[in-house]
Structure formats: C-alpha cells, structure tokens
PDB file of all heavy atoms in Angstrom:
ATOM      1  N   TRP A   1       0.829  -1.205   0.000  1.00  0.00           N
ATOM      2  CA  TRP A   1       0.000   0.000   0.000  1.00  0.00           C
ATOM      3  C   TRP A   1       0.862   1.251   0.000  1.00  0.00           C
ATOM      4  O   TRP A   1       1.907   1.300   0.648  1.00  0.00           O
ATOM      5  CB  TRP A   1      -0.901   0.041   1.241  1.00  0.00           C
ATOM      6  CG  TRP A   1      -2.030  -0.930   1.220  1.00  0.00           C
ATOM      7  CD1 TRP A   1      -2.074  -2.148   1.848  1.00  0.00           C
ATOM      8  CD2 TRP A   1      -3.285  -0.794   0.550  1.00  0.00           C
ATOM      9  NE1 TRP A   1      -3.258  -2.768   1.614  1.00  0.00           N
ATOM     10  CE2 TRP A   1      -4.028  -1.956   0.812  1.00  0.00           C
ATOM     11  CE3 TRP A   1      -3.827   0.208  -0.254  1.00  0.00           C
ATOM     12  CZ2 TRP A   1      -5.310  -2.148   0.306  1.00  0.00           C
ATOM     13  CZ3 TRP A   1      -5.106   0.020  -0.749  1.00  0.00           C
ATOM     14  CH2 TRP A   1      -5.838  -1.148  -0.472  1.00  0.00           C
ATOM     15  N   GLY A   2       0.388   2.262  -0.719  1.00  0.00           N
ATOM     16  CA  GLY A   2       0.950   3.604  -0.632  1.00  0.00           C
ATOM     17  C   GLY A   2      -0.199   4.555  -0.328  1.00  0.00           C
ATOM     18  O   GLY A   2      -1.274   4.444  -0.927  1.00  0.00           O
ATOM     19  N   TRP A   3       0.012   5.460   0.597  1.00  0.00           N
ATOM     20  CA  TRP A   3      -1.077   6.307   1.081  1.00  0.00           C
ATOM     21  C   TRP A   3      -0.781   7.784   0.818  1.00  0.00           C
ATOM     22  O   TRP A   3       0.349   8.233   0.953  1.00  0.00           O
ATOM     23  CB  TRP A   3      -1.293   6.076   2.578  1.00  0.00           C
ATOM     24  CG  TRP A   3      -1.577   4.642   2.899  1.00  0.00           C
ATOM     25  CD1 TRP A   3      -0.680   3.690   3.297  1.00  0.00           C
ATOM     26  CD2 TRP A   3      -2.842   3.973   2.819  1.00  0.00           C
ATOM     27  NE1 TRP A   3      -1.299   2.474   3.469  1.00  0.00           N
ATOM     28  CE2 TRP A   3      -2.633   2.615   3.192  1.00  0.00           C
ATOM     29  CE3 TRP A   3      -4.132   4.384   2.475  1.00  0.00           C
ATOM     30  CZ2 TRP A   3      -3.665   1.684   3.219  1.00  0.00           C
ATOM     31  CZ3 TRP A   3      -5.162   3.454   2.514  1.00  0.00           C
ATOM     32  CH2 TRP A   3      -4.921   2.111   2.888  1.00  0.00           C
ATOM     33  N   ASN A   4      -1.848   8.524   0.464  1.00  0.00           N
ATOM     34  CA  ASN A   4      -1.725   9.961   0.195  1.00  0.00           C
ATOM     35  C   ASN A   4      -0.638  10.212  -0.849  1.00  0.00           C
ATOM     36  O   ASN A   4       0.190  11.109  -0.704  1.00  0.00           O
ATOM     37  CB  ASN A   4      -1.409  10.715   1.496  1.00  0.00           C
ATOM     38  CG  ASN A   4      -1.721  12.194   1.405  1.00  0.00           C
ATOM     39  OD1 ASN A   4      -2.796  12.583   0.966  1.00  0.00           O
ATOM     40  ND2 ASN A   4      -0.786  13.034   1.819  1.00  0.00           N
ATOM     41  N   PHE A   5      -0.655   9.435  -1.916  1.00  0.00           N
ATOM     42  CA  PHE A   5       0.417   9.468  -2.910  1.00  0.00           C
ATOM     43  C   PHE A   5       0.309  10.728  -3.756  1.00  0.00           C
ATOM     44  O   PHE A   5      -0.731  11.000  -4.362  1.00  0.00           O
ATOM     45  CB  PHE A   5       0.355   8.232  -3.805  1.00  0.00           C
ATOM     46  CG  PHE A   5       1.475   8.160  -4.790  1.00  0.00           C
ATOM     47  CD1 PHE A   5       2.754   7.797  -4.389  1.00  0.00           C
ATOM     48  CD2 PHE A   5       1.263   8.450  -6.127  1.00  0.00           C
ATOM     49  CE1 PHE A   5       3.795   7.734  -5.305  1.00  0.00           C
ATOM     50  CE2 PHE A   5       2.297   8.381  -7.051  1.00  0.00           C
ATOM     51  CZ  PHE A   5       3.561   8.026  -6.632  1.00  0.00           C
ATOM     52  N   ILE A   6       1.389  11.498  -3.822  1.00  0.00           N
ATOM     53  CA  ILE A   6       1.412  12.757  -4.560  1.00  0.00           C
ATOM     54  C   ILE A   6       2.139  12.536  -5.888  1.00  0.00           C
ATOM     55  O   ILE A   6       3.337  12.261  -5.911  1.00  0.00           O
ATOM     56  CB  ILE A   6       2.075  13.871  -3.746  1.00  0.00           C
ATOM     57  CG1 ILE A   6       1.299  14.095  -2.439  1.00  0.00           C
ATOM     58  CG2 ILE A   6       2.152  15.167  -4.551  1.00  0.00           C
ATOM     59  CD1 ILE A   6       1.953  15.073  -1.489  1.00  0.00           C
ATOM     60  N   ALA A   7       1.399  12.650  -6.976  1.00  0.00           N
ATOM     61  CA  ALA A   7       1.958  12.452  -8.310  1.00  0.00           C
ATOM     62  C   ALA A   7       2.129  13.819  -8.960  1.00  0.00           C
ATOM     63  O   ALA A   7       1.278  14.265  -9.736  1.00  0.00           O
ATOM     64  CB  ALA A   7       1.041  11.560  -9.142  1.00  0.00           C
ATOM     65  N   ASP A   8       3.218  14.483  -8.633  1.00  0.00           N
ATOM     66  CA  ASP A   8       3.452  15.824  -9.182  1.00  0.00           C
ATOM     67  C   ASP A   8       4.609  15.866 -10.162  1.00  0.00           C
ATOM     68  O   ASP A   8       4.906  16.903 -10.729  1.00  0.00           O
ATOM     69  CB  ASP A   8       3.706  16.824  -8.046  1.00  0.00           C
ATOM     70  CG  ASP A   8       4.986  16.526  -7.289  1.00  0.00           C
ATOM     71  OD1 ASP A   8       5.454  15.365  -7.322  1.00  0.00           O
ATOM     72  OD2 ASP A   8       5.529  17.451  -6.650  1.00  0.00           O
ATOM     73  N   ARG A   9       5.266  14.733 -10.374  1.00  0.00           N
ATOM     74  CA  ARG A   9       6.418  14.662 -11.286  1.00  0.00           C
ATOM     75  C   ARG A   9       6.661  13.205 -11.661  1.00  0.00           C
ATOM     76  O   ARG A   9       6.141  12.283 -11.015  1.00  0.00           O
ATOM     77  CB  ARG A   9       7.659  15.247 -10.598  1.00  0.00           C
ATOM     78  CG  ARG A   9       8.153  14.445  -9.386  1.00  0.00           C
ATOM     79  CD  ARG A   9       9.049  15.272  -8.497  1.00  0.00           C
ATOM     80  NE  ARG A   9       8.281  16.341  -7.844  1.00  0.00           N
ATOM     81  CZ  ARG A   9       8.834  17.492  -7.431  1.00  0.00           C
ATOM     82  NH1 ARG A   9      10.128  17.699  -7.590  1.00  0.00           N
ATOM     83  NH2 ARG A   9       8.092  18.408  -6.851  1.00  0.00           N
ATOM     84  N   ASP A  10       7.470  12.985 -12.689  1.00  0.00           N
ATOM     85  CA  ASP A  10       7.850  11.628 -13.054  1.00  0.00           C
ATOM     86  C   ASP A  10       8.582  10.994 -11.878  1.00  0.00           C
ATOM     87  O   ASP A  10       9.477  11.606 -11.283  1.00  0.00           O
ATOM     88  CB  ASP A  10       8.752  11.628 -14.290  1.00  0.00           C
ATOM     89  CG  ASP A  10       8.029  12.108 -15.542  1.00  0.00           C
ATOM     90  OD1 ASP A  10       6.790  12.166 -15.523  1.00  0.00           O
ATOM     91  OD2 ASP A  10       8.712  12.426 -16.538  1.00  0.00           O
ATOM     92  N   THR A  11       8.193   9.775 -11.536  1.00  0.00           N
ATOM     93  CA  THR A  11       8.698   9.141 -10.313  1.00  0.00           C
ATOM     94  C   THR A  11       9.033   7.681 -10.559  1.00  0.00           C
ATOM     95  O   THR A  11       8.313   6.981 -11.276  1.00  0.00           O
ATOM     96  CB  THR A  11       7.640   9.230  -9.195  1.00  0.00           C
ATOM     97  OG1 THR A  11       7.309  10.595  -8.961  1.00  0.00           O
ATOM     98  CG2 THR A  11       8.142   8.613  -7.900  1.00  0.00           C
ATOM     99  N   THR A  12      10.123   7.228  -9.941  1.00  0.00           N
ATOM    100  CA  THR A  12      10.441   5.801  -9.900  1.00  0.00           C
ATOM    101  C   THR A  12      10.038   5.271  -8.537  1.00  0.00           C
ATOM    102  O   THR A  12      10.530   5.741  -7.507  1.00  0.00           O
ATOM    103  CB  THR A  12      11.940   5.548 -10.126  1.00  0.00           C
ATOM    104  OG1 THR A  12      12.305   6.028 -11.430  1.00  0.00           O
ATOM    105  CG2 THR A  12      12.260   4.062 -10.045  1.00  0.00           C
ATOM    106  N   LEU A  13       9.136   4.317  -8.524  1.00  0.00           N
ATOM    107  CA  LEU A  13       8.665   3.715  -7.283  1.00  0.00           C
ATOM    108  C   LEU A  13       8.861   2.209  -7.357  1.00  0.00           C
ATOM    109  O   LEU A  13       8.100   1.500  -8.010  1.00  0.00           O
ATOM    110  CB  LEU A  13       7.185   4.053  -7.053  1.00  0.00           C
ATOM    111  CG  LEU A  13       6.548   3.409  -5.812  1.00  0.00           C
ATOM    112  CD1 LEU A  13       7.248   3.863  -4.544  1.00  0.00           C
ATOM    113  CD2 LEU A  13       5.046   3.734  -5.755  1.00  0.00           C
ATOM    114  N   ASN A  14       9.916   1.738  -6.700  1.00  0.00           N
ATOM    115  CA  ASN A  14      10.161   0.304  -6.611  1.00  0.00           C
ATOM    116  C   ASN A  14       9.434  -0.242  -5.388  1.00  0.00           C
ATOM    117  O   ASN A  14       9.489   0.343  -4.309  1.00  0.00           O
ATOM    118  CB  ASN A  14      11.659   0.024  -6.516  1.00  0.00           C
ATOM    119  CG  ASN A  14      12.386   0.383  -7.795  1.00  0.00           C
ATOM    120  OD1 ASN A  14      11.886   0.129  -8.896  1.00  0.00           O
ATOM    121  ND2 ASN A  14      13.562   0.979  -7.686  1.00  0.00           N
ATOM    122  N   ILE A  15       8.764  -1.360  -5.578  1.00  0.00           N
ATOM    123  CA  ILE A  15       7.882  -1.913  -4.554  1.00  0.00           C
ATOM    124  C   ILE A  15       8.344  -3.304  -4.149  1.00  0.00           C
ATOM    125  O   ILE A  15       8.676  -4.128  -5.002  1.00  0.00           O
ATOM    126  CB  ILE A  15       6.437  -1.989  -5.098  1.00  0.00           C
ATOM    127  CG1 ILE A  15       5.887  -0.578  -5.323  1.00  0.00           C
ATOM    128  CG2 ILE A  15       5.531  -2.783  -4.169  1.00  0.00           C
ATOM    129  CD1 ILE A  15       4.566  -0.552  -6.081  1.00  0.00           C
ATOM    130  N   GLN A  16       8.379  -3.549  -2.845  1.00  0.00           N
ATOM    131  CA  GLN A  16       8.637  -4.886  -2.312  1.00  0.00           C
ATOM    132  C   GLN A  16       7.492  -5.259  -1.373  1.00  0.00           C
ATOM    133  O   GLN A  16       7.042  -4.445  -0.571  1.00  0.00           O
ATOM    134  CB  GLN A  16       9.958  -4.928  -1.541  1.00  0.00           C
ATOM    135  CG  GLN A  16      11.204  -4.816  -2.411  1.00  0.00           C
ATOM    136  CD  GLN A  16      12.476  -4.868  -1.591  1.00  0.00           C
ATOM    137  OE1 GLN A  16      12.748  -3.993  -0.779  1.00  0.00           O
ATOM    138  NE2 GLN A  16      13.262  -5.907  -1.786  1.00  0.00           N
ATOM    139  N   TYR A  17       7.038  -6.486  -1.474  1.00  0.00           N
ATOM    140  CA  TYR A  17       6.033  -6.951  -0.515  1.00  0.00           C
ATOM    141  C   TYR A  17       6.020  -8.463  -0.485  1.00  0.00           C
ATOM    142  O   TYR A  17       6.536  -9.130  -1.384  1.00  0.00           O
ATOM    143  CB  TYR A  17       4.647  -6.381  -0.849  1.00  0.00           C
ATOM    144  CG  TYR A  17       3.909  -7.083  -1.966  1.00  0.00           C
ATOM    145  CD1 TYR A  17       2.967  -8.063  -1.684  1.00  0.00           C
ATOM    146  CD2 TYR A  17       4.128  -6.757  -3.303  1.00  0.00           C
ATOM    147  CE1 TYR A  17       2.262  -8.698  -2.692  1.00  0.00           C
ATOM    148  CE2 TYR A  17       3.429  -7.372  -4.312  1.00  0.00           C
ATOM    149  CZ  TYR A  17       2.490  -8.357  -4.009  1.00  0.00           C
ATOM    150  OH  TYR A  17       1.810  -8.980  -5.006  1.00  0.00           O
ATOM    151  N   ASN A  18       5.440  -8.989   0.583  1.00  0.00           N
ATOM    152  CA  ASN A  18       5.322 -10.436   0.686  1.00  0.00           C
ATOM    153  C   ASN A  18       4.126 -10.810   1.548  1.00  0.00           C
ATOM    154  O   ASN A  18       2.996 -10.662   1.120  1.00  0.00           O
ATOM    155  CB  ASN A  18       6.623 -11.056   1.216  1.00  0.00           C
ATOM    156  CG  ASN A  18       6.750 -12.527   0.850  1.00  0.00           C
ATOM    157  OD1 ASN A  18       5.784 -13.135   0.404  1.00  0.00           O
ATOM    158  ND2 ASN A  18       7.908 -13.106   1.042  1.00  0.00           N
ATOM    159  N   ARG A  19       4.337 -11.166   2.823  1.00  0.00           N
ATOM    160  CA  ARG A  19       3.252 -11.734   3.625  1.00  0.00           C
ATOM    161  C   ARG A  19       2.838 -10.853   4.805  1.00  0.00           C
ATOM    162  O   ARG A  19       2.107 -11.297   5.686  1.00  0.00           O
ATOM    163  CB  ARG A  19       3.660 -13.124   4.119  1.00  0.00           C
ATOM    164  CG  ARG A  19       3.786 -14.136   2.987  1.00  0.00           C
ATOM    165  CD  ARG A  19       4.392 -15.442   3.464  1.00  0.00           C
ATOM    166  NE  ARG A  19       3.542 -16.162   4.380  1.00  0.00           N
ATOM    167  CZ  ARG A  19       2.598 -17.040   4.019  1.00  0.00           C
ATOM    168  NH1 ARG A  19       2.360 -17.263   2.725  1.00  0.00           N
ATOM    169  NH2 ARG A  19       1.881 -17.682   4.922  1.00  0.00           N
ATOM    170  N   MET A  20       3.307  -9.603   4.817  1.00  0.00           N
ATOM    171  CA  MET A  20       2.873  -8.650   5.833  1.00  0.00           C
ATOM    172  C   MET A  20       2.281  -7.434   5.128  1.00  0.00           C
ATOM    173  O   MET A  20       2.805  -6.986   4.098  1.00  0.00           O
ATOM    174  CB  MET A  20       4.041  -8.214   6.717  1.00  0.00           C
ATOM    175  CG  MET A  20       3.697  -7.128   7.730  1.00  0.00           C
ATOM    176  SD  MET A  20       2.730  -7.704   9.132  1.00  0.00           S
ATOM    177  CE  MET A  20       4.045  -8.321  10.189  1.00  0.00           C
ATOM    178  N   GLU A  21       1.201  -6.916   5.666  1.00  0.00           N
ATOM    179  CA  GLU A  21       0.546  -5.750   5.079  1.00  0.00           C
ATOM    180  C   GLU A  21       0.573  -4.605   6.086  1.00  0.00           C
ATOM    181  O   GLU A  21       0.256  -4.794   7.265  1.00  0.00           O
ATOM    182  CB  GLU A  21      -0.892  -6.108   4.722  1.00  0.00           C
ATOM    183  CG  GLU A  21      -1.673  -5.022   4.041  1.00  0.00           C
ATOM    184  CD  GLU A  21      -3.045  -5.511   3.623  1.00  0.00           C
ATOM    185  OE1 GLU A  21      -3.120  -6.563   2.948  1.00  0.00           O
ATOM    186  OE2 GLU A  21      -4.037  -4.859   3.984  1.00  0.00           O
ATOM    187  N   ALA A  22       0.978  -3.419   5.636  1.00  0.00           N
ATOM    188  CA  ALA A  22       0.974  -2.213   6.476  1.00  0.00           C
ATOM    189  C   ALA A  22      -0.174  -1.343   5.991  1.00  0.00           C
ATOM    190  O   ALA A  22      -0.038  -0.617   5.004  1.00  0.00           O
ATOM    191  CB  ALA A  22       2.313  -1.492   6.388  1.00  0.00           C
ATOM    192  N   TYR A  23      -1.288  -1.419   6.688  1.00  0.00           N
ATOM    193  CA  TYR A  23      -2.530  -0.798   6.217  1.00  0.00           C
ATOM    194  C   TYR A  23      -2.801   0.509   6.968  1.00  0.00           C
ATOM    195  O   TYR A  23      -2.442   0.659   8.140  1.00  0.00           O
ATOM    196  CB  TYR A  23      -3.694  -1.772   6.436  1.00  0.00           C
ATOM    197  CG  TYR A  23      -4.995  -1.306   5.841  1.00  0.00           C
ATOM    198  CD1 TYR A  23      -5.249  -1.432   4.484  1.00  0.00           C
ATOM    199  CD2 TYR A  23      -5.964  -0.727   6.650  1.00  0.00           C
ATOM    200  CE1 TYR A  23      -6.445  -1.004   3.937  1.00  0.00           C
ATOM    201  CE2 TYR A  23      -7.161  -0.287   6.114  1.00  0.00           C
ATOM    202  CZ  TYR A  23      -7.402  -0.427   4.760  1.00  0.00           C
ATOM    203  OH  TYR A  23      -8.576   0.014   4.226  1.00  0.00           O
ATOM    204  N   GLY A  24      -3.469   1.441   6.280  1.00  0.00           N
ATOM    205  CA  GLY A  24      -3.954   2.655   6.935  1.00  0.00           C
ATOM    206  C   GLY A  24      -2.869   3.556   7.495  1.00  0.00           C
ATOM    207  O   GLY A  24      -3.080   4.218   8.511  1.00  0.00           O
ATOM    208  N   VAL A  25      -1.713   3.628   6.848  1.00  0.00           N
ATOM    209  CA  VAL A  25      -0.603   4.436   7.370  1.00  0.00           C
ATOM    210  C   VAL A  25      -0.955   5.922   7.332  1.00  0.00           C
ATOM    211  O   VAL A  25      -1.521   6.423   6.356  1.00  0.00           O
ATOM    212  CB  VAL A  25       0.682   4.176   6.557  1.00  0.00           C
ATOM    213  CG1 VAL A  25       1.804   5.109   7.034  1.00  0.00           C
ATOM    214  CG2 VAL A  25       1.114   2.725   6.692  1.00  0.00           C
ATOM    215  N   HIS A  26      -0.596   6.598   8.410  1.00  0.00           N
ATOM    216  CA  HIS A  26      -0.751   8.053   8.469  1.00  0.00           C
ATOM    217  C   HIS A  26       0.412   8.617   9.273  1.00  0.00           C
ATOM    218  O   HIS A  26       0.733   8.092  10.343  1.00  0.00           O
ATOM    219  CB  HIS A  26      -2.080   8.441   9.123  1.00  0.00           C
ATOM    220  CG  HIS A  26      -2.372   9.906   9.032  1.00  0.00           C
ATOM    221  ND1 HIS A  26      -2.767  10.517   7.857  1.00  0.00           N
ATOM    222  CD2 HIS A  26      -2.282  10.893   9.954  1.00  0.00           C
ATOM    223  CE1 HIS A  26      -2.938  11.803   8.072  1.00  0.00           C
ATOM    224  NE2 HIS A  26      -2.649  12.065   9.342  1.00  0.00           N
ATOM    225  N   ALA A  27       1.063   9.654   8.755  1.00  0.00           N
ATOM    226  CA  ALA A  27       2.199  10.288   9.436  1.00  0.00           C
ATOM    227  C   ALA A  27       1.882  11.752   9.687  1.00  0.00           C
ATOM    228  O   ALA A  27       1.231  12.411   8.874  1.00  0.00           O
ATOM    229  CB  ALA A  27       3.469  10.149   8.595  1.00  0.00           C
ATOM    230  N   PHE A  28       2.355  12.262  10.827  1.00  0.00           N
ATOM    231  CA  PHE A  28       2.069  13.654  11.179  1.00  0.00           C
ATOM    232  C   PHE A  28       3.026  14.106  12.279  1.00  0.00           C
ATOM    233  O   PHE A  28       3.743  13.299  12.878  1.00  0.00           O
ATOM    234  CB  PHE A  28       0.618  13.807  11.669  1.00  0.00           C
ATOM    235  CG  PHE A  28       0.287  12.965  12.879  1.00  0.00           C
ATOM    236  CD1 PHE A  28       0.309  13.513  14.151  1.00  0.00           C
ATOM    237  CD2 PHE A  28      -0.039  11.620  12.740  1.00  0.00           C
ATOM    238  CE1 PHE A  28      -0.006  12.748  15.269  1.00  0.00           C
ATOM    239  CE2 PHE A  28      -0.352  10.841  13.851  1.00  0.00           C
ATOM    240  CZ  PHE A  28      -0.328  11.411  15.108  1.00  0.00           C
ATOM    241  N   GLN A  29       3.052  15.420  12.523  1.00  0.00           N
ATOM    242  CA  GLN A  29       3.771  15.991  13.651  1.00  0.00           C
ATOM    243  C   GLN A  29       2.765  16.621  14.608  1.00  0.00           C
ATOM    244  O   GLN A  29       1.734  17.148  14.182  1.00  0.00           O
ATOM    245  CB  GLN A  29       4.782  17.046  13.195  1.00  0.00           C
ATOM    246  CG  GLN A  29       6.092  16.459  12.698  1.00  0.00           C
ATOM    247  CD  GLN A  29       7.175  17.504  12.514  1.00  0.00           C
ATOM    248  OE1 GLN A  29       6.970  18.497  11.832  1.00  0.00           O
ATOM    249  NE2 GLN A  29       8.333  17.277  13.119  1.00  0.00           N
ATOM    250  N   ILE A  30       3.059  16.551  15.890  1.00  0.00           N
ATOM    251  CA  ILE A  30       2.187  17.155  16.892  1.00  0.00           C
ATOM    252  C   ILE A  30       2.588  18.617  17.063  1.00  0.00           C
ATOM    253  O   ILE A  30       3.735  18.905  17.432  1.00  0.00           O
ATOM    254  CB  ILE A  30       2.305  16.416  18.239  1.00  0.00           C
ATOM    255  CG1 ILE A  30       1.862  14.959  18.064  1.00  0.00           C
ATOM    256  CG2 ILE A  30       1.476  17.112  19.308  1.00  0.00           C
ATOM    257  CD1 ILE A  30       2.064  14.106  19.297  1.00  0.00           C
ATOM    258  N   PRO A  31       1.688  19.563  16.795  1.00  0.00           N
ATOM    259  CA  PRO A  31       2.030  20.990  16.960  1.00  0.00           C
ATOM    260  C   PRO A  31       2.469  21.284  18.396  1.00  0.00           C
ATOM    261  O   PRO A  31       1.785  20.915  19.353  1.00  0.00           O
ATOM    262  CB  PRO A  31       0.712  21.708  16.622  1.00  0.00           C
ATOM    263  CG  PRO A  31      -0.039  20.735  15.768  1.00  0.00           C
ATOM    264  CD  PRO A  31       0.312  19.385  16.291  1.00  0.00           C
ATOM    265  N   GLY A  32       3.617  21.922  18.537  1.00  0.00           N
ATOM    266  CA  GLY A  32       4.130  22.242  19.855  1.00  0.00           C
ATOM    267  C   GLY A  32       4.789  21.079  20.562  1.00  0.00           C
ATOM    268  O   GLY A  32       5.240  21.215  21.718  1.00  0.00           O
ATOM    269  N   GLY A  33       4.855  19.918  19.908  1.00  0.00           N
ATOM    270  CA  GLY A  33       5.459  18.744  20.521  1.00  0.00           C
ATOM    271  C   GLY A  33       6.953  18.672  20.262  1.00  0.00           C
ATOM    272  O   GLY A  33       7.570  19.611  19.753  1.00  0.00           O
ATOM    273  N   VAL A  34       7.527  17.541  20.589  1.00  0.00           N
ATOM    274  CA  VAL A  34       8.965  17.343  20.390  1.00  0.00           C
ATOM    275  C   VAL A  34       9.253  17.269  18.888  1.00  0.00           C
ATOM    276  O   VAL A  34       8.357  16.943  18.086  1.00  0.00           O
ATOM    277  CB  VAL A  34       9.449  16.054  21.080  1.00  0.00           C
ATOM    278  CG1 VAL A  34       9.253  16.164  22.581  1.00  0.00           C
ATOM    279  CG2 VAL A  34       8.720  14.832  20.534  1.00  0.00           C
ATOM    280  N   PRO A  35      10.480  17.581  18.470  1.00  0.00           N
ATOM    281  CA  PRO A  35      10.822  17.517  17.035  1.00  0.00           C
ATOM    282  C   PRO A  35      10.934  16.072  16.557  1.00  0.00           C
ATOM    283  O   PRO A  35      12.019  15.488  16.481  1.00  0.00           O
ATOM    284  CB  PRO A  35      12.164  18.248  16.966  1.00  0.00           C
ATOM    285  CG  PRO A  35      12.754  18.082  18.332  1.00  0.00           C
ATOM    286  CD  PRO A  35      11.606  18.071  19.289  1.00  0.00           C
ATOM    287  N   ALA A  36       9.793  15.477  16.283  1.00  0.00           N
ATOM    288  CA  ALA A  36       9.725  14.081  15.852  1.00  0.00           C
ATOM    289  C   ALA A  36       8.464  13.908  15.015  1.00  0.00           C
ATOM    290  O   ALA A  36       7.615  14.799  14.942  1.00  0.00           O
ATOM    291  CB  ALA A  36       9.703  13.154  17.061  1.00  0.00           C
ATOM    292  N   TYR A  37       8.349  12.756  14.372  1.00  0.00           N
ATOM    293  CA  TYR A  37       7.155  12.423  13.604  1.00  0.00           C
ATOM    294  C   TYR A  37       6.443  11.247  14.259  1.00  0.00           C
ATOM    295  O   TYR A  37       7.068  10.362  14.852  1.00  0.00           O
ATOM    296  CB  TYR A  37       7.520  12.068  12.163  1.00  0.00           C
ATOM    297  CG  TYR A  37       7.906  13.259  11.331  1.00  0.00           C
ATOM    298  CD1 TYR A  37       9.243  13.570  11.101  1.00  0.00           C
ATOM    299  CD2 TYR A  37       6.939  14.081  10.762  1.00  0.00           C
ATOM    300  CE1 TYR A  37       9.600  14.675  10.331  1.00  0.00           C
ATOM    301  CE2 TYR A  37       7.285  15.179   9.989  1.00  0.00           C
ATOM    302  CZ  TYR A  37       8.614  15.473   9.782  1.00  0.00           C
ATOM    303  OH  TYR A  37       8.960  16.567   9.035  1.00  0.00           O
ATOM    304  N   GLN A  38       5.121  11.269  14.128  1.00  0.00           N
ATOM    305  CA  GLN A  38       4.286  10.187  14.624  1.00  0.00           C
ATOM    306  C   GLN A  38       3.728   9.413  13.426  1.00  0.00           C
ATOM    307  O   GLN A  38       3.344  10.012  12.419  1.00  0.00           O
ATOM    308  CB  GLN A  38       3.137  10.735  15.460  1.00  0.00           C
ATOM    309  CG  GLN A  38       3.518  11.822  16.456  1.00  0.00           C
ATOM    310  CD  GLN A  38       4.486  11.350  17.517  1.00  0.00           C
ATOM    311  OE1 GLN A  38       4.378  10.226  18.005  1.00  0.00           O
ATOM    312  NE2 GLN A  38       5.436  12.201  17.876  1.00  0.00           N
ATOM    313  N   ILE A  39       3.665   8.109  13.562  1.00  0.00           N
ATOM    314  CA  ILE A  39       3.156   7.261  12.483  1.00  0.00           C
ATOM    315  C   ILE A  39       2.134   6.286  13.054  1.00  0.00           C
ATOM    316  O   ILE A  39       2.381   5.650  14.077  1.00  0.00           O
ATOM    317  CB  ILE A  39       4.286   6.463  11.800  1.00  0.00           C
ATOM    318  CG1 ILE A  39       5.351   7.407  11.226  1.00  0.00           C
ATOM    319  CG2 ILE A  39       3.726   5.570  10.695  1.00  0.00           C
ATOM    320  CD1 ILE A  39       6.577   6.686  10.710  1.00  0.00           C
ATOM    321  N   TYR A  40       1.006   6.205  12.388  1.00  0.00           N
ATOM    322  CA  TYR A  40      -0.018   5.220  12.746  1.00  0.00           C
ATOM    323  C   TYR A  40      -0.066   4.170  11.644  1.00  0.00           C
ATOM    324  O   TYR A  40      -0.025   4.497  10.455  1.00  0.00           O
ATOM    325  CB  TYR A  40      -1.387   5.883  12.865  1.00  0.00           C
ATOM    326  CG  TYR A  40      -2.499   4.912  13.193  1.00  0.00           C
ATOM    327  CD1 TYR A  40      -2.846   4.644  14.510  1.00  0.00           C
ATOM    328  CD2 TYR A  40      -3.178   4.243  12.174  1.00  0.00           C
ATOM    329  CE1 TYR A  40      -3.857   3.742  14.813  1.00  0.00           C
ATOM    330  CE2 TYR A  40      -4.182   3.333  12.464  1.00  0.00           C
ATOM    331  CZ  TYR A  40      -4.520   3.091  13.783  1.00  0.00           C
ATOM    332  OH  TYR A  40      -5.505   2.191  14.075  1.00  0.00           O
ATOM    333  N   VAL A  41      -0.166   2.896  12.024  1.00  0.00           N
ATOM    334  CA  VAL A  41      -0.271   1.832  11.029  1.00  0.00           C
ATOM    335  C   VAL A  41      -0.996   0.639  11.638  1.00  0.00           C
ATOM    336  O   VAL A  41      -0.822   0.311  12.808  1.00  0.00           O
ATOM    337  CB  VAL A  41       1.124   1.406  10.501  1.00  0.00           C
ATOM    338  CG1 VAL A  41       2.029   0.930  11.629  1.00  0.00           C
ATOM    339  CG2 VAL A  41       0.999   0.319   9.423  1.00  0.00           C
ATOM    340  N   ARG A  42      -1.843   0.012  10.818  1.00  0.00           N
ATOM    341  CA  ARG A  42      -2.491  -1.231  11.236  1.00  0.00           C
ATOM    342  C   ARG A  42      -1.858  -2.395  10.460  1.00  0.00           C
ATOM    343  O   ARG A  42      -1.971  -2.454   9.233  1.00  0.00           O
ATOM    344  CB  ARG A  42      -3.991  -1.201  10.947  1.00  0.00           C
ATOM    345  CG  ARG A  42      -4.700  -2.466  11.487  1.00  0.00           C
ATOM    346  CD  ARG A  42      -5.886  -2.846  10.636  1.00  0.00           C
ATOM    347  NE  ARG A  42      -6.921  -1.844  10.633  1.00  0.00           N
ATOM    348  CZ  ARG A  42      -7.990  -1.912   9.819  1.00  0.00           C
ATOM    349  NH1 ARG A  42      -8.105  -2.901   8.957  1.00  0.00           N
ATOM    350  NH2 ARG A  42      -8.898  -0.966   9.844  1.00  0.00           N
ATOM    351  N   PRO A  43      -1.170  -3.303  11.134  1.00  0.00           N
ATOM    352  CA  PRO A  43      -0.482  -4.406  10.445  1.00  0.00           C
ATOM    353  C   PRO A  43      -1.370  -5.631  10.278  1.00  0.00           C
ATOM    354  O   PRO A  43      -2.374  -5.798  10.967  1.00  0.00           O
ATOM    355  CB  PRO A  43       0.670  -4.720  11.397  1.00  0.00           C
ATOM    356  CG  PRO A  43       0.090  -4.427  12.758  1.00  0.00           C
ATOM    357  CD  PRO A  43      -0.895  -3.298  12.576  1.00  0.00           C
TER     358      PRO A  43
END
C-alpha cells in the first residue's frame, strides 16, 4: 500500500512486498510537541 500518494512529477517507485501488510498508514507531527514524527499503522 501507498497512502496519500502525490503524483506531481515523473517518479520511480520500486515496490517490495510479501506476507505482511501495512494498512492505513498516516504520518504527522504534533504541533508544539517534540521535534519528531508520529506514524499510525495497522499491520
């Protein structure tokens, strides 16, 4: 799966997958929080 895919230019996207699925991925930063990113995923 690829989520929120932005197609704004010619892109090479190599894909690997097998027997695990990473579903519903969402990434964000918490305003005013530590300088880090948060990621949600359902495996």
